Amino acid sequence: MIAIGSIVYLKGGSQKLMILNRGPIINQNGTKMIFDYSACRYPVGLIEDEIFYFNEENVERTIFEGYVDNDEERFQELYHEMIDDLDSDIVRGEVNPTSFGLE
């Protein structure tokens, strides 16, 4: 799990993204979907209609690691437990890397 504030490149992308959130649940076409991360463009920052949702397997490389302490480590443990206990009406989102427009 990548810490909030980390800067990553997605597979096939050339735009840096900064991790904003872990485990965002969004509504896509009436279906609740969970992703591993949400992010914004770096260094631009958060723009409302430019939030990117993706999963661990979409990350090619982490170039900067966000702050990690005991609270972060405990959160990661609890997060994995939460994922294992998700409601059946929440599905894991799938990502088409070419849909980002970050090339």
PDB file of N, CA and C in Angstrom:
ATOM      1  N   MET A   1       0.845  -1.172   0.000  1.00  0.00           N
ATOM      2  CA  MET A   1       0.000   0.000   0.000  1.00  0.00           C
ATOM      3  C   MET A   1       0.892   1.237   0.000  1.00  0.00           C
ATOM      4  N   ILE A   2       0.539   2.190  -0.824  1.00  0.00           N
ATOM      5  CA  ILE A   2       1.333   3.413  -0.981  1.00  0.00           C
ATOM      6  C   ILE A   2       0.743   4.500  -0.092  1.00  0.00           C
ATOM      7  N   ALA A   3       1.606   5.235   0.602  1.00  0.00           N
ATOM      8  CA  ALA A   3       1.178   6.267   1.546  1.00  0.00           C
ATOM      9  C   ALA A   3       0.615   7.495   0.828  1.00  0.00           C
ATOM     10  N   ILE A   4      -0.306   8.167   1.495  1.00  0.00           N
ATOM     11  CA  ILE A   4      -0.838   9.431   1.000  1.00  0.00           C
ATOM     12  C   ILE A   4       0.323  10.414   0.834  1.00  0.00           C
ATOM     13  N   GLY A   5       0.275  11.196  -0.225  1.00  0.00           N
ATOM     14  CA  GLY A   5       1.333  12.160  -0.505  1.00  0.00           C
ATOM     15  C   GLY A   5       2.425  11.620  -1.407  1.00  0.00           C
ATOM     16  N   SER A   6       2.409  10.313  -1.634  1.00  0.00           N
ATOM     17  CA  SER A   6       3.419   9.711  -2.520  1.00  0.00           C
ATOM     18  C   SER A   6       3.175  10.152  -3.958  1.00  0.00           C
ATOM     19  N   ILE A   7       4.247  10.196  -4.734  1.00  0.00           N
ATOM     20  CA  ILE A   7       4.189  10.560  -6.151  1.00  0.00           C
ATOM     21  C   ILE A   7       4.500   9.308  -6.961  1.00  0.00           C
ATOM     22  N   VAL A   8       3.626   9.011  -7.926  1.00  0.00           N
ATOM     23  CA  VAL A   8       3.767   7.783  -8.716  1.00  0.00           C
ATOM     24  C   VAL A   8       3.618   8.066 -10.203  1.00  0.00           C
ATOM     25  N   TYR A   9       4.113   7.124 -10.987  1.00  0.00           N
ATOM     26  CA  TYR A   9       3.814   7.036 -12.416  1.00  0.00           C
ATOM     27  C   TYR A   9       2.962   5.794 -12.608  1.00  0.00           C
ATOM     28  N   LEU A  10       1.942   5.899 -13.432  1.00  0.00           N
ATOM     29  CA  LEU A  10       1.156   4.729 -13.793  1.00  0.00           C
ATOM     30  C   LEU A  10       1.805   4.048 -14.991  1.00  0.00           C
ATOM     31  N   LYS A  11       1.524   2.777 -15.154  1.00  0.00           N
ATOM     32  CA  LYS A  11       2.061   2.027 -16.289  1.00  0.00           C
ATOM     33  C   LYS A  11       1.651   2.708 -17.584  1.00  0.00           C
ATOM     34  N   GLY A  12       2.617   2.953 -18.444  1.00  0.00           N
ATOM     35  CA  GLY A  12       2.356   3.576 -19.732  1.00  0.00           C
ATOM     36  C   GLY A  12       2.159   5.074 -19.671  1.00  0.00           C
ATOM     37  N   GLY A  13       2.278   5.671 -18.499  1.00  0.00           N
ATOM     38  CA  GLY A  13       2.044   7.109 -18.358  1.00  0.00           C
ATOM     39  C   GLY A  13       3.335   7.893 -18.171  1.00  0.00           C
ATOM     40  N   SER A  14       3.270   9.186 -18.445  1.00  0.00           N
ATOM     41  CA  SER A  14       4.432  10.056 -18.251  1.00  0.00           C
ATOM     42  C   SER A  14       4.110  11.228 -17.331  1.00  0.00           C
ATOM     43  N   GLN A  15       2.899  11.243 -16.769  1.00  0.00           N
ATOM     44  CA  GLN A  15       2.460  12.314 -15.875  1.00  0.00           C
ATOM     45  C   GLN A  15       2.584  11.843 -14.427  1.00  0.00           C
ATOM     46  N   LYS A  16       3.210  12.649 -13.589  1.00  0.00           N
ATOM     47  CA  LYS A  16       3.303  12.314 -12.170  1.00  0.00           C
ATOM     48  C   LYS A  16       1.935  12.517 -11.517  1.00  0.00           C
ATOM     49  N   LEU A  17       1.572  11.594 -10.630  1.00  0.00           N
ATOM     50  CA  LEU A  17       0.334  11.696  -9.863  1.00  0.00           C
ATOM     51  C   LEU A  17       0.662  11.633  -8.380  1.00  0.00           C
ATOM     52  N   MET A  18      -0.072  12.419  -7.573  1.00  0.00           N
ATOM     53  CA  MET A  18       0.097  12.414  -6.132  1.00  0.00           C
ATOM     54  C   MET A  18      -1.099  11.704  -5.492  1.00  0.00           C
ATOM     55  N   ILE A  19      -0.810  10.712  -4.665  1.00  0.00           N
ATOM     56  CA  ILE A  19      -1.856   9.941  -3.984  1.00  0.00           C
ATOM     57  C   ILE A  19      -2.585  10.857  -2.994  1.00  0.00           C
ATOM     58  N   LEU A  20      -3.913  10.895  -3.135  1.00  0.00           N
ATOM     59  CA  LEU A  20      -4.768  11.699  -2.259  1.00  0.00           C
ATOM     60  C   LEU A  20      -5.502  10.856  -1.226  1.00  0.00           C
ATOM     61  N   ASN A  21      -5.837   9.630  -1.608  1.00  0.00           N
ATOM     62  CA  ASN A  21      -6.768   8.845  -0.812  1.00  0.00           C
ATOM     63  C   ASN A  21      -6.539   7.366  -1.097  1.00  0.00           C
ATOM     64  N   ARG A  22      -6.880   6.521  -0.124  1.00  0.00           N
ATOM     65  CA  ARG A  22      -6.858   5.083  -0.316  1.00  0.00           C
ATOM     66  C   ARG A  22      -8.257   4.549  -0.082  1.00  0.00           C
ATOM     67  N   GLY A  23      -8.675   3.635  -0.931  1.00  0.00           N
ATOM     68  CA  GLY A  23      -9.973   2.993  -0.779  1.00  0.00           C
ATOM     69  C   GLY A  23     -11.172   3.858  -1.109  1.00  0.00           C
ATOM     70  N   PRO A  24     -11.054   4.792  -2.081  1.00  0.00           N
ATOM     71  CA  PRO A  24     -12.236   5.587  -2.413  1.00  0.00           C
ATOM     72  C   PRO A  24     -13.328   4.707  -3.021  1.00  0.00           C
ATOM     73  N   ILE A  25     -14.541   4.955  -2.599  1.00  0.00           N
ATOM     74  CA  ILE A  25     -15.701   4.268  -3.163  1.00  0.00           C
ATOM     75  C   ILE A  25     -16.479   5.289  -3.963  1.00  0.00           C
ATOM     76  N   ILE A  26     -16.654   5.013  -5.241  1.00  0.00           N
ATOM     77  CA  ILE A  26     -17.363   5.938  -6.114  1.00  0.00           C
ATOM     78  C   ILE A  26     -18.521   5.215  -6.789  1.00  0.00           C
ATOM     79  N   ASN A  27     -19.448   5.982  -7.290  1.00  0.00           N
ATOM     80  CA  ASN A  27     -20.591   5.425  -8.001  1.00  0.00           C
ATOM     81  C   ASN A  27     -20.350   5.592  -9.496  1.00  0.00           C
ATOM     82  N   GLN A  28     -20.238   4.469 -10.202  1.00  0.00           N
ATOM     83  CA  GLN A  28     -20.064   4.501 -11.653  1.00  0.00           C
ATOM     84  C   GLN A  28     -21.238   3.775 -12.284  1.00  0.00           C
ATOM     85  N   ASN A  29     -22.070   4.534 -12.966  1.00  0.00           N
ATOM     86  CA  ASN A  29     -23.227   3.958 -13.666  1.00  0.00           C
ATOM     87  C   ASN A  29     -24.101   3.114 -12.733  1.00  0.00           C
ATOM     88  N   GLY A  30     -24.328   3.620 -11.516  1.00  0.00           N
ATOM     89  CA  GLY A  30     -25.203   2.942 -10.573  1.00  0.00           C
ATOM     90  C   GLY A  30     -24.557   1.815  -9.785  1.00  0.00           C
ATOM     91  N   THR A  31     -23.272   1.596  -9.978  1.00  0.00           N
ATOM     92  CA  THR A  31     -22.558   0.545  -9.253  1.00  0.00           C
ATOM     93  C   THR A  31     -21.532   1.183  -8.324  1.00  0.00           C
ATOM     94  N   LYS A  32     -21.515   0.758  -7.058  1.00  0.00           N
ATOM     95  CA  LYS A  32     -20.506   1.225  -6.117  1.00  0.00           C
ATOM     96  C   LYS A  32     -19.218   0.469  -6.398  1.00  0.00           C
ATOM     97  N   MET A  33     -18.153   1.232  -6.658  1.00  0.00           N
ATOM     98  CA  MET A  33     -16.861   0.620  -6.977  1.00  0.00           C
ATOM     99  C   MET A  33     -15.800   1.170  -6.029  1.00  0.00           C
ATOM    100  N   ILE A  34     -14.921   0.280  -5.608  1.00  0.00           N
ATOM    101  CA  ILE A  34     -13.802   0.688  -4.763  1.00  0.00           C
ATOM    102  C   ILE A  34     -12.510   0.532  -5.556  1.00  0.00           C
ATOM    103  N   PHE A  35     -11.647   1.514  -5.396  1.00  0.00           N
ATOM    104  CA  PHE A  35     -10.320   1.500  -6.005  1.00  0.00           C
ATOM    105  C   PHE A  35      -9.289   1.568  -4.888  1.00  0.00           C
ATOM    106  N   ASP A  36      -8.068   1.211  -5.179  1.00  0.00           N
ATOM    107  CA  ASP A  36      -7.014   1.315  -4.172  1.00  0.00           C
ATOM    108  C   ASP A  36      -6.650   2.764  -3.884  1.00  0.00           C
ATOM    109  N   TYR A  37      -6.687   3.612  -4.920  1.00  0.00           N
ATOM    110  CA  TYR A  37      -6.196   4.982  -4.763  1.00  0.00           C
ATOM    111  C   TYR A  37      -7.012   5.993  -5.565  1.00  0.00           C
ATOM    112  N   SER A  38      -6.968   7.227  -5.092  1.00  0.00           N
ATOM    113  CA  SER A  38      -7.334   8.364  -5.930  1.00  0.00           C
ATOM    114  C   SER A  38      -6.117   9.282  -5.925  1.00  0.00           C
ATOM    115  N   ALA A  39      -5.972  10.049  -7.006  1.00  0.00           N
ATOM    116  CA  ALA A  39      -4.788  10.902  -7.129  1.00  0.00           C
ATOM    117  C   ALA A  39      -5.108  12.128  -7.967  1.00  0.00           C
ATOM    118  N   CYS A  40      -4.207  13.104  -7.878  1.00  0.00           N
ATOM    119  CA  CYS A  40      -4.293  14.297  -8.714  1.00  0.00           C
ATOM    120  C   CYS A  40      -2.968  14.452  -9.446  1.00  0.00           C
ATOM    121  N   ARG A  41      -2.983  15.291 -10.461  1.00  0.00           N
ATOM    122  CA  ARG A  41      -1.742  15.571 -11.203  1.00  0.00           C
ATOM    123  C   ARG A  41      -0.769  16.324 -10.287  1.00  0.00           C
ATOM    124  N   TYR A  42       0.479  15.984 -10.391  1.00  0.00           N
ATOM    125  CA  TYR A  42       1.540  16.693  -9.688  1.00  0.00           C
ATOM    126  C   TYR A  42       2.361  17.443 -10.722  1.00  0.00           C
ATOM    127  N   PRO A  43       2.665  18.693 -10.515  1.00  0.00           N
ATOM    128  CA  PRO A  43       2.507  19.528  -9.335  1.00  0.00           C
ATOM    129  C   PRO A  43       1.231  20.375  -9.324  1.00  0.00           C
ATOM    130  N   VAL A  44       0.317  20.140 -10.229  1.00  0.00           N
ATOM    131  CA  VAL A  44      -0.878  20.983 -10.356  1.00  0.00           C
ATOM    132  C   VAL A  44      -1.736  20.938  -9.106  1.00  0.00           C
ATOM    133  N   GLY A  45      -1.986  19.744  -8.575  1.00  0.00           N
ATOM    134  CA  GLY A  45      -2.836  19.594  -7.403  1.00  0.00           C
ATOM    135  C   GLY A  45      -4.260  19.233  -7.787  1.00  0.00           C
ATOM    136  N   LEU A  46      -5.132  19.298  -6.816  1.00  0.00           N
ATOM    137  CA  LEU A  46      -6.506  18.844  -6.978  1.00  0.00           C
ATOM    138  C   LEU A  46      -7.333  19.792  -7.831  1.00  0.00           C
ATOM    139  N   ILE A  47      -7.886  19.252  -8.901  1.00  0.00           N
ATOM    140  CA  ILE A  47      -8.860  19.937  -9.748  1.00  0.00           C
ATOM    141  C   ILE A  47     -10.073  19.020  -9.767  1.00  0.00           C
ATOM    142  N   GLU A  48     -11.241  19.561  -9.458  1.00  0.00           N
ATOM    143  CA  GLU A  48     -12.434  18.744  -9.209  1.00  0.00           C
ATOM    144  C   GLU A  48     -12.703  17.681 -10.265  1.00  0.00           C
ATOM    145  N   ASP A  49     -12.623  18.022 -11.529  1.00  0.00           N
ATOM    146  CA  ASP A  49     -12.958  17.040 -12.572  1.00  0.00           C
ATOM    147  C   ASP A  49     -11.734  16.287 -13.084  1.00  0.00           C
ATOM    148  N   GLU A  50     -10.617  16.355 -12.359  1.00  0.00           N
ATOM    149  CA  GLU A  50      -9.410  15.620 -12.729  1.00  0.00           C
ATOM    150  C   GLU A  50      -8.896  14.803 -11.546  1.00  0.00           C
ATOM    151  N   ILE A  51      -9.746  13.925 -11.052  1.00  0.00           N
ATOM    152  CA  ILE A  51      -9.349  12.978 -10.017  1.00  0.00           C
ATOM    153  C   ILE A  51      -9.212  11.628 -10.704  1.00  0.00           C
ATOM    154  N   PHE A  52      -8.098  10.977 -10.475  1.00  0.00           N
ATOM    155  CA  PHE A  52      -7.801   9.711 -11.131  1.00  0.00           C
ATOM    156  C   PHE A  52      -7.927   8.577 -10.121  1.00  0.00           C
ATOM    157  N   TYR A  53      -8.620   7.524 -10.503  1.00  0.00           N
ATOM    158  CA  TYR A  53      -8.832   6.348  -9.654  1.00  0.00           C
ATOM    159  C   TYR A  53      -8.108   5.169 -10.280  1.00  0.00           C
ATOM    160  N   PHE A  54      -7.354   4.445  -9.466  1.00  0.00           N
ATOM    161  CA  PHE A  54      -6.596   3.313  -9.988  1.00  0.00           C
ATOM    162  C   PHE A  54      -6.257   2.356  -8.862  1.00  0.00           C
ATOM    163  N   ASN A  55      -5.679   1.234  -9.243  1.00  0.00           N
ATOM    164  CA  ASN A  55      -5.337   0.179  -8.300  1.00  0.00           C
ATOM    165  C   ASN A  55      -3.831  -0.055  -8.259  1.00  0.00           C
ATOM    166  N   GLU A  56      -3.418  -0.810  -7.261  1.00  0.00           N
ATOM    167  CA  GLU A  56      -1.995  -1.098  -7.041  1.00  0.00           C
ATOM    168  C   GLU A  56      -1.318  -1.605  -8.311  1.00  0.00           C
ATOM    169  N   GLU A  57      -1.993  -2.485  -9.038  1.00  0.00           N
ATOM    170  CA  GLU A  57      -1.373  -3.081 -10.229  1.00  0.00           C
ATOM    171  C   GLU A  57      -1.187  -2.086 -11.373  1.00  0.00           C
ATOM    172  N   ASN A  58      -1.808  -0.910 -11.293  1.00  0.00           N
ATOM    173  CA  ASN A  58      -1.653   0.106 -12.329  1.00  0.00           C
ATOM    174  C   ASN A  58      -0.426   0.984 -12.112  1.00  0.00           C
ATOM    175  N   VAL A  59       0.198   0.888 -10.942  1.00  0.00           N
ATOM    176  CA  VAL A  59       1.351   1.725 -10.606  1.00  0.00           C
ATOM    177  C   VAL A  59       2.607   1.101 -11.181  1.00  0.00           C
ATOM    178  N   GLU A  60       3.322   1.906 -11.974  1.00  0.00           N
ATOM    179  CA  GLU A  60       4.590   1.428 -12.527  1.00  0.00           C
ATOM    180  C   GLU A  60       5.736   1.675 -11.559  1.00  0.00           C
ATOM    181  N   ARG A  61       5.720   2.894 -10.952  1.00  0.00           N
ATOM    182  CA  ARG A  61       6.875   3.279 -10.143  1.00  0.00           C
ATOM    183  C   ARG A  61       6.468   4.356  -9.141  1.00  0.00           C
ATOM    184  N   THR A  62       6.974   4.238  -7.928  1.00  0.00           N
ATOM    185  CA  THR A  62       6.820   5.290  -6.915  1.00  0.00           C
ATOM    186  C   THR A  62       8.111   6.080  -6.900  1.00  0.00           C
ATOM    187  N   ILE A  63       8.004   7.393  -7.143  1.00  0.00           N
ATOM    188  CA  ILE A  63       9.229   8.211  -7.184  1.00  0.00           C
ATOM    189  C   ILE A  63       9.428   9.031  -5.912  1.00  0.00           C
ATOM    190  N   PHE A  64       8.375   9.133  -5.087  1.00  0.00           N
ATOM    191  CA  PHE A  64       8.479   9.796  -3.789  1.00  0.00           C
ATOM    192  C   PHE A  64       7.498   9.123  -2.854  1.00  0.00           C
ATOM    193  N   GLU A  65       7.961   8.741  -1.672  1.00  0.00           N
ATOM    194  CA  GLU A  65       7.111   8.077  -0.686  1.00  0.00           C
ATOM    195  C   GLU A  65       6.606   9.104   0.324  1.00  0.00           C
ATOM    196  N   GLY A  66       5.290   9.117   0.543  1.00  0.00           N
ATOM    197  CA  GLY A  66       4.683  10.005   1.537  1.00  0.00           C
ATOM    198  C   GLY A  66       5.070   9.601   2.949  1.00  0.00           C
ATOM    199  N   TYR A  67       4.670  10.418   3.898  1.00  0.00           N
ATOM    200  CA  TYR A  67       5.013  10.230   5.308  1.00  0.00           C
ATOM    201  C   TYR A  67       4.419   8.932   5.862  1.00  0.00           C
ATOM    202  N   VAL A  68       5.255   8.150   6.551  1.00  0.00           N
ATOM    203  CA  VAL A  68       4.824   6.899   7.164  1.00  0.00           C
ATOM    204  C   VAL A  68       5.250   6.895   8.632  1.00  0.00           C
ATOM    205  N   ASP A  69       4.278   6.666   9.516  1.00  0.00           N
ATOM    206  CA  ASP A  69       4.560   6.510  10.937  1.00  0.00           C
ATOM    207  C   ASP A  69       3.741   5.341  11.468  1.00  0.00           C
ATOM    208  N   ASN A  70       3.665   5.179  12.782  1.00  0.00           N
ATOM    209  CA  ASN A  70       2.916   4.071  13.376  1.00  0.00           C
ATOM    210  C   ASN A  70       1.440   4.123  13.008  1.00  0.00           C
ATOM    211  N   ASP A  71       0.868   5.322  12.943  1.00  0.00           N
ATOM    212  CA  ASP A  71      -0.545   5.453  12.571  1.00  0.00           C
ATOM    213  C   ASP A  71      -0.780   4.962  11.150  1.00  0.00           C
ATOM    214  N   GLU A  72       0.139   5.299  10.246  1.00  0.00           N
ATOM    215  CA  GLU A  72       0.026   4.845   8.859  1.00  0.00           C
ATOM    216  C   GLU A  72       0.125   3.328   8.779  1.00  0.00           C
ATOM    217  N   GLU A  73       1.069   2.753   9.492  1.00  0.00           N
ATOM    218  CA  GLU A  73       1.232   1.303   9.470  1.00  0.00           C
ATOM    219  C   GLU A  73      -0.016   0.612  10.012  1.00  0.00           C
ATOM    220  N   ARG A  74      -0.602   1.143  11.082  1.00  0.00           N
ATOM    221  CA  ARG A  74      -1.832   0.565  11.642  1.00  0.00           C
ATOM    222  C   ARG A  74      -2.990   0.728  10.660  1.00  0.00           C
ATOM    223  N   PHE A  75      -3.077   1.889  10.002  1.00  0.00           N
ATOM    224  CA  PHE A  75      -4.120   2.094   9.008  1.00  0.00           C
ATOM    225  C   PHE A  75      -4.040   1.033   7.920  1.00  0.00           C
ATOM    226  N   GLN A  76      -2.844   0.743   7.458  1.00  0.00           N
ATOM    227  CA  GLN A  76      -2.681  -0.248   6.396  1.00  0.00           C
ATOM    228  C   GLN A  76      -3.176  -1.617   6.837  1.00  0.00           C
ATOM    229  N   GLU A  77      -2.914  -1.994   8.085  1.00  0.00           N
ATOM    230  CA  GLU A  77      -3.432  -3.260   8.607  1.00  0.00           C
ATOM    231  C   GLU A  77      -4.961  -3.255   8.602  1.00  0.00           C
ATOM    232  N   LEU A  78      -5.560  -2.177   9.113  1.00  0.00           N
ATOM    233  CA  LEU A  78      -7.015  -2.078   9.188  1.00  0.00           C
ATOM    234  C   LEU A  78      -7.645  -2.007   7.804  1.00  0.00           C
ATOM    235  N   TYR A  79      -6.964  -1.350   6.880  1.00  0.00           N
ATOM    236  CA  TYR A  79      -7.482  -1.231   5.517  1.00  0.00           C
ATOM    237  C   TYR A  79      -7.652  -2.612   4.887  1.00  0.00           C
ATOM    238  N   HIS A  80      -6.661  -3.439   5.029  1.00  0.00           N
ATOM    239  CA  HIS A  80      -6.740  -4.784   4.436  1.00  0.00           C
ATOM    240  C   HIS A  80      -7.882  -5.586   5.072  1.00  0.00           C
ATOM    241  N   GLU A  81      -8.107  -5.424   6.365  1.00  0.00           N
ATOM    242  CA  GLU A  81      -9.242  -6.081   7.014  1.00  0.00           C
ATOM    243  C   GLU A  81     -10.558  -5.557   6.453  1.00  0.00           C
ATOM    244  N   MET A  82     -10.642  -4.227   6.246  1.00  0.00           N
ATOM    245  CA  MET A  82     -11.852  -3.623   5.715  1.00  0.00           C
ATOM    246  C   MET A  82     -12.141  -4.152   4.307  1.00  0.00           C
ATOM    247  N   ILE A  83     -11.127  -4.259   3.480  1.00  0.00           N
ATOM    248  CA  ILE A  83     -11.292  -4.757   2.115  1.00  0.00           C
ATOM    249  C   ILE A  83     -11.831  -6.193   2.139  1.00  0.00           C
ATOM    250  N   ASP A  84     -11.341  -6.989   3.064  1.00  0.00           N
ATOM    251  CA  ASP A  84     -11.804  -8.370   3.162  1.00  0.00           C
ATOM    252  C   ASP A  84     -13.269  -8.462   3.587  1.00  0.00           C
ATOM    253  N   ASP A  85     -13.771  -7.432   4.277  1.00  0.00           N
ATOM    254  CA  ASP A  85     -15.143  -7.434   4.804  1.00  0.00           C
ATOM    255  C   ASP A  85     -16.083  -6.519   4.039  1.00  0.00           C
ATOM    256  N   LEU A  86     -15.774  -6.176   2.800  1.00  0.00           N
ATOM    257  CA  LEU A  86     -16.619  -5.265   2.022  1.00  0.00           C
ATOM    258  C   LEU A  86     -18.014  -5.835   1.804  1.00  0.00           C
ATOM    259  N   ASP A  87     -18.993  -4.942   1.765  1.00  0.00           N
ATOM    260  CA  ASP A  87     -20.352  -5.347   1.405  1.00  0.00           C
ATOM    261  C   ASP A  87     -20.342  -5.934   0.001  1.00  0.00           C
ATOM    262  N   SER A  88     -21.221  -6.862  -0.239  1.00  0.00           N
ATOM    263  CA  SER A  88     -21.270  -7.509  -1.546  1.00  0.00           C
ATOM    264  C   SER A  88     -21.744  -6.564  -2.645  1.00  0.00           C
ATOM    265  N   ASP A  89     -22.340  -5.411  -2.277  1.00  0.00           N
ATOM    266  CA  ASP A  89     -22.794  -4.474  -3.310  1.00  0.00           C
ATOM    267  C   ASP A  89     -21.695  -3.516  -3.756  1.00  0.00           C
ATOM    268  N   ILE A  90     -20.480  -3.661  -3.194  1.00  0.00           N
ATOM    269  CA  ILE A  90     -19.335  -2.840  -3.601  1.00  0.00           C
ATOM    270  C   ILE A  90     -18.358  -3.752  -4.342  1.00  0.00           C
ATOM    271  N   VAL A  91     -18.053  -3.395  -5.590  1.00  0.00           N
ATOM    272  CA  VAL A  91     -17.148  -4.217  -6.397  1.00  0.00           C
ATOM    273  C   VAL A  91     -15.826  -3.491  -6.614  1.00  0.00           C
ATOM    274  N   ARG A  92     -14.792  -4.255  -6.823  1.00  0.00           N
ATOM    275  CA  ARG A  92     -13.473  -3.662  -7.093  1.00  0.00           C
ATOM    276  C   ARG A  92     -13.477  -3.072  -8.492  1.00  0.00           C
ATOM    277  N   GLY A  93     -13.118  -1.803  -8.587  1.00  0.00           N
ATOM    278  CA  GLY A  93     -13.069  -1.129  -9.870  1.00  0.00           C
ATOM    279  C   GLY A  93     -11.926  -1.638 -10.723  1.00  0.00           C
ATOM    280  N   GLU A  94     -12.166  -1.684 -12.006  1.00  0.00           N
ATOM    281  CA  GLU A  94     -11.121  -2.063 -12.949  1.00  0.00           C
ATOM    282  C   GLU A  94     -10.731  -0.835 -13.741  1.00  0.00           C
ATOM    283  N   VAL A  95      -9.468  -0.763 -14.088  1.00  0.00           N
ATOM    284  CA  VAL A  95      -8.925   0.420 -14.735  1.00  0.00           C
ATOM    285  C   VAL A  95      -8.385   0.074 -16.106  1.00  0.00           C
ATOM    286  N   ASN A  96      -8.763   0.885 -17.088  1.00  0.00           N
ATOM    287  CA  ASN A  96      -8.166   0.806 -18.421  1.00  0.00           C
ATOM    288  C   ASN A  96      -7.126   1.918 -18.468  1.00  0.00           C
ATOM    289  N   PRO A  97      -5.830   1.586 -18.333  1.00  0.00           N
ATOM    290  CA  PRO A  97      -4.795   2.613 -18.238  1.00  0.00           C
ATOM    291  C   PRO A  97      -4.805   3.619 -19.387  1.00  0.00           C
ATOM    292  N   THR A  98      -5.243   3.229 -20.557  1.00  0.00           N
ATOM    293  CA  THR A  98      -5.234   4.174 -21.673  1.00  0.00           C
ATOM    294  C   THR A  98      -6.342   5.225 -21.549  1.00  0.00           C
ATOM    295  N   SER A  99      -7.270   5.005 -20.634  1.00  0.00           N
ATOM    296  CA  SER A  99      -8.384   5.955 -20.483  1.00  0.00           C
ATOM    297  C   SER A  99      -7.995   7.186 -19.689  1.00  0.00           C
ATOM    298  N   PHE A 100      -6.805   7.213 -19.085  1.00  0.00           N
ATOM    299  CA  PHE A 100      -6.396   8.338 -18.260  1.00  0.00           C
ATOM    300  C   PHE A 100      -5.994   9.569 -19.057  1.00  0.00           C
ATOM    301  N   GLY A 101      -5.469   9.363 -20.240  1.00  0.00           N
ATOM    302  CA  GLY A 101      -4.971  10.493 -21.002  1.00  0.00           C
ATOM    303  C   GLY A 101      -3.728  11.104 -20.386  1.00  0.00           C
ATOM    304  N   LEU A 102      -2.903  10.279 -19.736  1.00  0.00           N
ATOM    305  CA  LEU A 102      -1.712  10.775 -19.042  1.00  0.00           C
ATOM    306  C   LEU A 102      -0.430  10.464 -19.792  1.00  0.00           C
ATOM    307  N   GLU A 103      -0.565  10.017 -21.030  1.00  0.00           N
ATOM    308  CA  GLU A 103       0.622   9.661 -21.795  1.00  0.00           C
ATOM    309  C   GLU A 103       1.428  10.892 -22.117  1.00  0.00           C
TER     310      GLU A 103
END
